[in-house]
Amino acid sequence: MRIGLCGYPGSGKSTVFQALAPGSSTERGGVSLGNIKVPDARVDRLAEHFKPKKKTYAEITFMDVGGGGRPDTGAFPPEVVQQMRNADVLVHVVRGFENPMLAKDADVARDEALFDDELLLLDLSVMEKRRARFRKESRKDRAADVTEKATAHLENGEPLRTLELDDDDLATLRDTQLLSLTPLIVLYNLSEELWSDDASKALREAKTPSHNRLSMAICGAIEAEIATLSGEDQAEFLEGLGLGEPARDEFIRQAYRLLDLISFLTAGPDECRAWPIRRGTVARKAAGKVHSDIERGFIRAEIYQLEELLEHGSEAALKSAGKMRLEGKEYVIRDGDVVNYRFNV
């Protein structure tokens, strides 16, 4: 999962990047990248049982796509826009603190509206050209119909993530990299004072996804400091602030929730691993995450639950107890399923 952090100058975007991806930054093509592993206690417990050569968690790549946007017009430079198009999820870091280097006071509603309008206008420019080309070609297929519908939706001032599109419709737009169609997290970056103030309660609790968009709040300055600590020091610091965990952990959960992601697991003496997939993915399609050959030569999936393994002690005992289920290619994988694939190519 590639998460692109965006924000206007002075929003604290780089501080948020340090808080979410501490100590892992690399530069590539002018973009700061940071990889983090998604905590998963199920991988740890499987590893305790199998004693594998390695254990592998799901990973998230954060991209600090750069700033340079104009807080008066909302416009971003072309190179920043292109990096935004490469993200699976966009995070709009919204300034919720006073910055003496900036002339304007913090205004989350203003900055949200500017950002949303800019994405809409960028998409409208793309779709108007596409519509004009399709009309010139007299196209009458699904792609032309979706283009007409999407362009009209944008002209009405609505982002594409609020437009009803099925999987076949979305497939016709795959090559367009539309920004208002990309899932969005609005991340309010609050000052320490505002974070502890009851006035910010509504911002901190606004976490319900709607139309592939959700919002949450952090105090970037505090979280960046937390990220520099480890072990007991971090635990003590969190306890002193009345926090149960770093905001990074909550952010990961919210990102999974927004994308409707779950994880299935594979386990054995070589590796215990978590594989993120979209909820509703069938067994054969999920097999492709492990290896394309497994998807191509899929025979069946042997599936069990972690708790059942720990209760019975081994996979052989699970089979004897009838707890190892055999499922076909159309079985819908559930969160936490431990899967052994049988295949032949």
Protein backbone atom coordinates (compact mmCIF):
# COMPACT_ATOMS: atom_id res chain seq x y z
CA MET A 1 0.00 0.00 0.00
CA ARG A 2 1.46 3.37 -1.04
CA ILE A 3 0.23 6.29 1.04
CA GLY A 4 0.94 9.78 -0.29
CA LEU A 5 1.20 12.58 2.26
CA CYS A 6 0.10 15.92 0.80
CA GLY A 7 -0.29 19.32 2.34
CA TYR A 8 0.17 23.03 1.90
CA PRO A 9 3.34 24.80 3.11
CA GLY A 10 3.51 24.99 6.89
CA SER A 11 1.03 22.17 7.49
CA GLY A 12 3.62 20.07 9.32
CA LYS A 13 3.54 17.36 6.66
CA SER A 14 7.20 16.44 7.11
CA THR A 15 6.72 16.16 10.88
CA VAL A 16 3.76 13.86 10.31
CA PHE A 17 5.90 11.80 7.93
CA GLN A 18 8.53 11.39 10.67
CA ALA A 19 5.82 10.35 13.12
CA LEU A 20 4.27 7.74 10.82
CA ALA A 21 7.46 6.34 9.28
CA PRO A 22 10.20 6.95 11.86
CA GLY A 23 13.82 6.25 10.98
CA SER A 24 13.09 4.65 7.61
CA SER A 25 13.31 7.52 5.14
CA THR A 26 15.00 7.14 1.77
CA GLU A 27 15.03 9.44 -1.24
CA ARG A 28 13.89 8.32 -4.68
CA GLY A 29 13.13 10.67 -7.54
CA GLY A 30 12.88 13.65 -5.20
CA VAL A 31 10.33 11.89 -2.99
CA SER A 32 10.93 10.82 0.61
CA LEU A 33 9.86 7.19 1.15
CA GLY A 34 9.36 5.41 4.44
CA ASN A 35 8.40 1.75 4.90
CA ILE A 36 6.79 0.46 8.09
CA LYS A 37 5.66 -3.00 9.07
CA VAL A 38 2.02 -3.47 10.04
CA PRO A 39 1.88 -4.90 13.57
CA ASP A 40 0.13 -8.28 13.60
CA ALA A 41 0.11 -10.40 16.76
CA ARG A 42 -1.13 -13.38 14.73
CA VAL A 43 2.15 -13.52 12.82
CA ASP A 44 4.04 -13.42 16.11
CA ARG A 45 1.99 -16.25 17.61
CA LEU A 46 2.35 -18.41 14.51
CA ALA A 47 6.10 -17.80 14.59
CA GLU A 48 6.26 -18.90 18.22
CA HIS A 49 4.63 -22.15 17.17
CA PHE A 50 6.48 -22.92 13.92
CA LYS A 51 9.87 -21.35 14.77
CA PRO A 52 10.29 -20.28 11.11
CA LYS A 53 13.44 -19.01 9.44
CA LYS A 54 11.72 -15.64 9.07
CA LYS A 55 8.47 -13.85 9.74
CA THR A 56 7.07 -11.23 7.40
CA TYR A 57 4.51 -8.56 8.17
CA ALA A 58 2.44 -6.59 5.72
CA GLU A 59 4.11 -3.28 4.84
CA ILE A 60 3.00 0.26 4.16
CA THR A 61 5.06 2.71 2.13
CA PHE A 62 4.62 6.37 3.02
CA MET A 63 5.50 8.91 0.34
CA ASP A 64 6.16 12.52 1.31
CA VAL A 65 5.20 13.85 -2.11
CA GLY A 66 6.42 17.35 -1.39
CA GLY A 67 4.65 20.60 -0.83
CA GLY A 68 4.86 23.74 -2.88
CA GLY A 69 1.11 24.06 -3.13
CA ARG A 70 -0.36 27.53 -3.08
CA PRO A 71 -2.55 28.02 0.00
CA ASP A 72 -4.30 30.93 -1.72
CA THR A 73 -5.43 29.00 -4.82
CA GLY A 74 -4.92 25.38 -3.77
CA ALA A 75 -2.80 24.61 -6.83
CA PHE A 76 0.07 22.09 -6.64
CA PRO A 77 3.11 21.96 -8.95
CA PRO A 78 2.91 19.35 -11.75
CA GLU A 79 5.65 17.16 -10.23
CA VAL A 80 3.72 16.98 -6.94
CA VAL A 81 0.49 16.15 -8.77
CA GLN A 82 2.21 13.26 -10.56
CA GLN A 83 3.48 11.84 -7.29
CA MET A 84 -0.03 12.12 -5.87
CA ARG A 85 -1.30 10.09 -8.83
CA ASN A 86 1.09 7.26 -7.85
CA ALA A 87 -0.48 6.80 -4.41
CA ASP A 88 -3.05 4.16 -3.45
CA VAL A 89 -4.29 6.44 -0.67
CA LEU A 90 -3.95 10.20 -0.34
CA VAL A 91 -3.50 11.83 3.05
CA HIS A 92 -4.26 15.53 3.22
CA VAL A 93 -2.35 16.91 6.21
CA VAL A 94 -4.38 19.93 7.35
CA ARG A 95 -2.78 22.55 9.57
CA GLY A 96 -4.51 22.88 12.92
CA PHE A 97 -1.94 25.07 14.65
CA GLU A 98 -0.69 28.63 14.37
CA ASN A 99 2.50 29.04 12.37
CA PRO A 100 4.33 32.37 12.84
CA MET A 101 6.00 31.91 9.45
CA LEU A 102 2.64 32.11 7.68
CA ALA A 103 0.50 35.20 7.19
CA LYS A 104 -2.83 33.38 7.39
CA ASP A 105 -4.33 31.87 10.52
CA ALA A 106 -5.05 28.14 10.62
CA ASP A 107 -8.41 27.34 9.05
CA VAL A 108 -9.10 23.64 8.50
CA ALA A 109 -12.34 24.23 6.59
CA ARG A 110 -10.62 26.62 4.16
CA ASP A 111 -7.69 24.30 3.49
CA GLU A 112 -9.92 21.25 3.09
CA ALA A 113 -12.08 23.06 0.54
CA LEU A 114 -9.05 24.31 -1.43
CA PHE A 115 -7.56 20.83 -1.59
CA ASP A 116 -10.81 19.16 -2.60
CA ASP A 117 -11.48 21.76 -5.29
CA GLU A 118 -7.97 21.37 -6.70
CA LEU A 119 -8.31 17.59 -7.07
CA LEU A 120 -11.70 18.05 -8.68
CA LEU A 121 -10.38 20.58 -11.21
CA LEU A 122 -7.39 18.39 -12.08
CA ASP A 123 -9.70 15.45 -12.74
CA LEU A 124 -12.13 17.58 -14.70
CA SER A 125 -9.32 18.67 -17.02
CA VAL A 126 -8.42 15.02 -17.68
CA MET A 127 -11.99 13.88 -18.19
CA GLU A 128 -13.01 16.76 -20.47
CA LYS A 129 -10.18 15.85 -22.84
CA ARG A 130 -11.15 12.20 -22.67
CA ARG A 131 -14.81 13.01 -23.35
CA ALA A 132 -13.90 15.23 -26.31
CA ARG A 133 -11.74 12.45 -27.80
CA PHE A 134 -14.43 9.81 -27.35
CA ARG A 135 -17.07 12.07 -28.91
CA LYS A 136 -14.80 12.74 -31.87
CA GLU A 137 -14.36 8.98 -32.28
CA SER A 138 -18.14 8.44 -31.92
CA ARG A 139 -17.51 5.81 -29.27
CA LYS A 140 -20.60 4.16 -27.80
CA ASP A 141 -19.06 1.60 -25.42
CA ARG A 142 -18.98 1.36 -21.61
CA ALA A 143 -15.84 3.52 -21.40
CA ALA A 144 -17.61 6.34 -23.26
CA ASP A 145 -20.70 6.05 -21.05
CA VAL A 146 -18.64 6.12 -17.85
CA THR A 147 -16.65 9.08 -19.15
CA GLU A 148 -19.83 11.06 -19.82
CA LYS A 149 -21.22 10.23 -16.38
CA ALA A 150 -17.96 10.97 -14.56
CA THR A 151 -17.40 14.29 -16.35
CA ALA A 152 -20.94 15.45 -15.55
CA HIS A 153 -20.41 14.49 -11.91
CA LEU A 154 -17.24 16.59 -11.74
CA GLU A 155 -18.95 19.51 -13.49
CA ASN A 156 -21.54 19.41 -10.69
CA GLY A 157 -18.73 19.94 -8.17
CA GLU A 158 -18.71 16.38 -6.82
CA PRO A 159 -15.57 14.23 -6.40
CA LEU A 160 -15.57 10.92 -8.24
CA ARG A 161 -15.33 8.90 -5.05
CA THR A 162 -19.00 9.84 -4.44
CA LEU A 163 -20.11 8.51 -7.84
CA GLU A 164 -21.72 5.07 -7.99
CA LEU A 165 -19.40 2.96 -10.14
CA ASP A 166 -19.19 -0.83 -10.26
CA ASP A 167 -16.00 -2.81 -10.86
CA ASP A 168 -16.51 -2.89 -14.63
CA ASP A 169 -17.02 0.89 -14.67
CA LEU A 170 -13.86 1.43 -12.62
CA ALA A 171 -11.90 -0.82 -14.97
CA THR A 172 -12.54 1.66 -17.82
CA LEU A 173 -10.90 4.42 -15.74
CA ARG A 174 -7.84 2.44 -14.64
CA ASP A 175 -5.43 4.33 -16.89
CA THR A 176 -6.60 7.82 -15.89
CA GLN A 177 -5.13 8.10 -12.33
CA LEU A 178 -8.00 10.27 -11.15
CA LEU A 179 -7.22 11.99 -7.87
CA SER A 180 -10.78 12.59 -6.64
CA LEU A 181 -11.38 8.86 -7.08
CA THR A 182 -8.42 7.92 -4.86
CA PRO A 183 -9.35 7.04 -1.25
CA LEU A 184 -8.64 10.03 1.00
CA ILE A 185 -7.69 10.46 4.65
CA VAL A 186 -8.00 13.98 5.98
CA LEU A 187 -5.44 14.19 8.78
CA TYR A 188 -5.81 17.20 11.08
CA ASN A 189 -2.39 18.11 12.48
CA LEU A 190 -3.24 19.85 15.75
CA SER A 191 -1.14 21.88 18.17
CA GLU A 192 -0.50 20.45 21.63
CA GLU A 193 -2.90 23.02 23.08
CA LEU A 194 -5.68 22.26 20.63
CA TRP A 195 -5.14 18.51 20.99
CA SER A 196 -5.91 18.69 24.70
CA ASP A 197 -8.73 21.20 24.26
CA ASP A 198 -12.37 20.08 24.25
CA ALA A 199 -12.90 22.36 21.24
CA SER A 200 -11.04 19.85 19.06
CA LYS A 201 -13.12 16.88 20.18
CA ALA A 202 -15.20 16.83 16.99
CA LEU A 203 -12.06 16.72 14.83
CA ARG A 204 -10.48 13.95 16.91
CA GLU A 205 -13.56 11.74 16.78
CA ALA A 206 -14.48 12.19 13.09
CA LYS A 207 -13.39 8.74 11.89
CA THR A 208 -16.34 7.19 10.09
CA PRO A 209 -15.50 6.36 6.45
CA SER A 210 -17.88 7.76 3.87
CA HIS A 211 -17.46 7.48 0.10
CA ASN A 212 -13.83 6.31 0.41
CA ARG A 213 -12.97 9.21 2.69
CA LEU A 214 -12.38 9.48 6.42
CA SER A 215 -10.82 11.93 8.83
CA MET A 216 -8.76 11.68 12.00
CA ALA A 217 -6.52 13.96 14.03
CA ILE A 218 -3.09 13.76 15.60
CA CYS A 219 -0.63 16.10 17.23
CA GLY A 220 2.28 15.70 14.85
CA ALA A 221 4.81 17.30 17.20
CA ILE A 222 3.98 14.89 20.03
CA GLU A 223 3.82 11.84 17.76
CA ALA A 224 7.17 12.67 16.15
CA GLU A 225 8.70 12.72 19.63
CA ILE A 226 7.00 9.43 20.54
CA ALA A 227 8.44 7.90 17.36
CA THR A 228 12.00 8.60 18.54
CA LEU A 229 11.46 6.51 21.68
CA SER A 230 11.39 2.75 22.05
CA GLY A 231 10.55 0.10 24.60
CA GLU A 232 9.89 1.23 28.16
CA ASP A 233 10.65 4.89 27.39
CA GLN A 234 7.88 5.02 24.79
CA ALA A 235 5.45 3.16 27.05
CA GLU A 236 6.13 5.57 29.93
CA PHE A 237 5.78 8.61 27.68
CA LEU A 238 2.48 7.35 26.26
CA GLU A 239 1.19 6.60 29.76
CA GLY A 240 2.13 10.07 30.91
CA LEU A 241 0.09 11.55 28.07
CA GLY A 242 -2.85 9.25 28.72
CA LEU A 243 -2.35 7.51 25.37
CA GLY A 244 -2.55 3.75 24.90
CA GLU A 245 -0.52 3.57 21.68
CA PRO A 246 1.23 5.74 19.07
CA ALA A 247 -1.11 7.40 16.58
CA ARG A 248 0.69 5.42 13.87
CA ASP A 249 -1.07 2.23 15.01
CA GLU A 250 -4.49 3.89 14.87
CA PHE A 251 -3.63 5.38 11.47
CA ILE A 252 -2.82 1.92 10.09
CA ARG A 253 -6.14 0.54 11.33
CA GLN A 254 -8.02 3.43 9.77
CA ALA A 255 -6.19 3.02 6.44
CA TYR A 256 -7.09 -0.69 6.39
CA ARG A 257 -10.66 0.22 7.25
CA LEU A 258 -10.85 2.80 4.47
CA LEU A 259 -9.55 0.35 1.86
CA ASP A 260 -11.57 -2.53 3.35
CA LEU A 261 -8.42 -4.60 3.74
CA ILE A 262 -8.02 -7.81 5.72
CA SER A 263 -5.09 -10.20 6.05
CA PHE A 264 -4.82 -13.92 5.59
CA LEU A 265 -1.82 -15.84 6.88
CA THR A 266 0.56 -18.53 5.66
CA ALA A 267 2.70 -20.45 8.13
CA GLY A 268 5.39 -23.10 8.21
CA PRO A 269 9.03 -23.73 9.10
CA ASP A 270 10.31 -21.45 6.34
CA GLU A 271 8.13 -18.37 6.92
CA CYS A 272 5.12 -17.05 8.79
CA ARG A 273 3.55 -14.18 6.87
CA ALA A 274 0.56 -11.85 6.64
CA TRP A 275 -0.92 -11.12 3.18
CA PRO A 276 -3.22 -8.06 2.86
CA ILE A 277 -6.16 -8.42 0.47
CA ARG A 278 -9.48 -6.69 -0.15
CA ARG A 279 -12.38 -8.06 1.85
CA GLY A 280 -14.42 -10.38 -0.38
CA THR A 281 -11.42 -11.81 -2.26
CA VAL A 282 -11.88 -15.45 -3.24
CA ALA A 283 -9.31 -18.15 -2.48
CA ARG A 284 -7.94 -18.48 -6.00
CA LYS A 285 -7.44 -14.74 -6.41
CA ALA A 286 -5.82 -14.49 -2.98
CA ALA A 287 -3.44 -17.25 -4.03
CA GLY A 288 -2.02 -14.87 -6.61
CA LYS A 289 -0.73 -12.68 -3.80
CA VAL A 290 1.54 -15.54 -2.75
CA HIS A 291 2.61 -16.50 -6.27
CA SER A 292 1.06 -16.33 -9.73
CA ASP A 293 1.79 -20.05 -10.25
CA ILE A 294 -0.36 -20.91 -7.24
CA GLU A 295 -3.29 -18.96 -8.66
CA ARG A 296 -2.82 -20.51 -12.09
CA GLY A 297 -2.56 -24.09 -10.82
CA PHE A 298 -4.96 -23.76 -7.88
CA ILE A 299 -6.42 -27.08 -6.68
CA ARG A 300 -7.75 -26.31 -3.22
CA ALA A 301 -7.06 -24.35 -0.04
CA GLU A 302 -6.61 -25.97 3.36
CA ILE A 303 -7.80 -23.48 5.94
CA TYR A 304 -7.77 -23.31 9.70
CA GLN A 305 -7.82 -20.75 12.51
CA LEU A 306 -4.86 -19.79 14.69
CA GLU A 307 -6.69 -20.55 17.93
CA GLU A 308 -7.56 -24.03 16.66
CA LEU A 309 -3.89 -24.71 15.88
CA LEU A 310 -2.81 -23.61 19.35
CA GLU A 311 -5.55 -25.71 20.93
CA HIS A 312 -4.74 -28.94 19.04
CA GLY A 313 -0.97 -28.46 18.81
CA SER A 314 -0.24 -29.25 15.17
CA GLU A 315 -1.68 -29.21 11.67
CA ALA A 316 -1.78 -33.02 11.72
CA ALA A 317 -3.89 -32.93 14.88
CA LEU A 318 -6.18 -30.36 13.26
CA LYS A 319 -6.79 -32.71 10.34
CA SER A 320 -7.50 -35.61 12.68
CA ALA A 321 -9.99 -33.47 14.59
CA GLY A 322 -11.70 -32.35 11.39
CA LYS A 323 -10.71 -28.72 11.94
CA MET A 324 -8.74 -28.35 8.69
CA ARG A 325 -11.28 -27.23 6.10
CA LEU A 326 -10.89 -27.91 2.39
CA GLU A 327 -12.16 -25.00 0.30
CA GLY A 328 -12.43 -24.42 -3.44
CA LYS A 329 -11.49 -21.51 -5.64
CA GLU A 330 -14.67 -19.51 -4.93
CA TYR A 331 -14.31 -19.60 -1.14
CA VAL A 332 -14.23 -16.05 0.24
CA ILE A 333 -11.14 -15.58 2.41
CA ARG A 334 -11.83 -14.29 5.92
CA ASP A 335 -9.62 -12.10 8.08
CA GLY A 336 -7.19 -14.30 10.01
CA ASP A 337 -7.59 -17.43 7.90
CA VAL A 338 -4.39 -19.52 7.92
CA VAL A 339 -4.10 -21.00 4.43
CA ASN A 340 -2.14 -23.85 2.90
CA TYR A 341 -2.51 -23.83 -0.88
CA ARG A 342 -2.45 -26.99 -2.95
CA PHE A 343 -1.64 -26.41 -6.63
CA ASN A 344 -0.20 -28.02 -9.73
CA VAL A 345 1.45 -26.29 -12.70
